[in-house]
């Protein structure tokens, strides 16, 4: 909780009501916004029973604990467009790109096909081709996984077999570009913006890259202006 010093507190969530209890008392409110402050701390704001604005800053023992708490809290946040607009969250869509789903599908089907070939006593040439083909597929899959580890990683939205659109909300402050989806909240420090058209661009943060889709071109321009104001060293390019 905010104050001259950090105060030990207990956090509880029940029926969309957030409860923070410390030696100074108990604060209860319905959360409407969550924003990252550091990798291990976040701010939570909303309205109490008297419809007064309430805000607390929570710091956790580590980044993993903070992410778990953020995921739980995000599922309890009320989706109220007026409050989102008031607090500067922009509703967008993220384009989740295909990852390793097809590779895992090949690795799953291969042993099943080989087993059926043995049980059904398929010709030896067919079994040999299936065995060597599966081995080649396995080697290629391992190479692909190694290359993916060295490439830019996917952002807060992922897809297994085909690209999909994911609903999200984005806000920008002095520390992070915060991306909130229905089940997750992540903070990024953009280093590069890649325009893909008038209504979409990709954000690169370290080894992470994700594409944002906007409903209107002026929304993309407005968000880019906020990003450049908060992160003056960000590189902007057209691809």
Foldseek 3Di string as FASTA:
>chain_A
DDDPDDFDWDWDADQQWIWIQTPVGIDIFRWADWADDDLFKIKTWHAHPVRDIDIDIDGDPGNVVSFVVQLVNLLSHDDDPVVCVVVAKDKWKWKAAADCQVLVVLLVVLVVVLVVCVVVVPDPVVNVCSVVVSVVSVVVSVVRVVVQVVAQHEDPHHDHPGIDIFIWIWHDDLPFTWIGGSRGIDTAQFQEWEDADLFKIWTGGPSYIIIIGHPDSVVVVVVVVRNCVNRVNHYYYYD
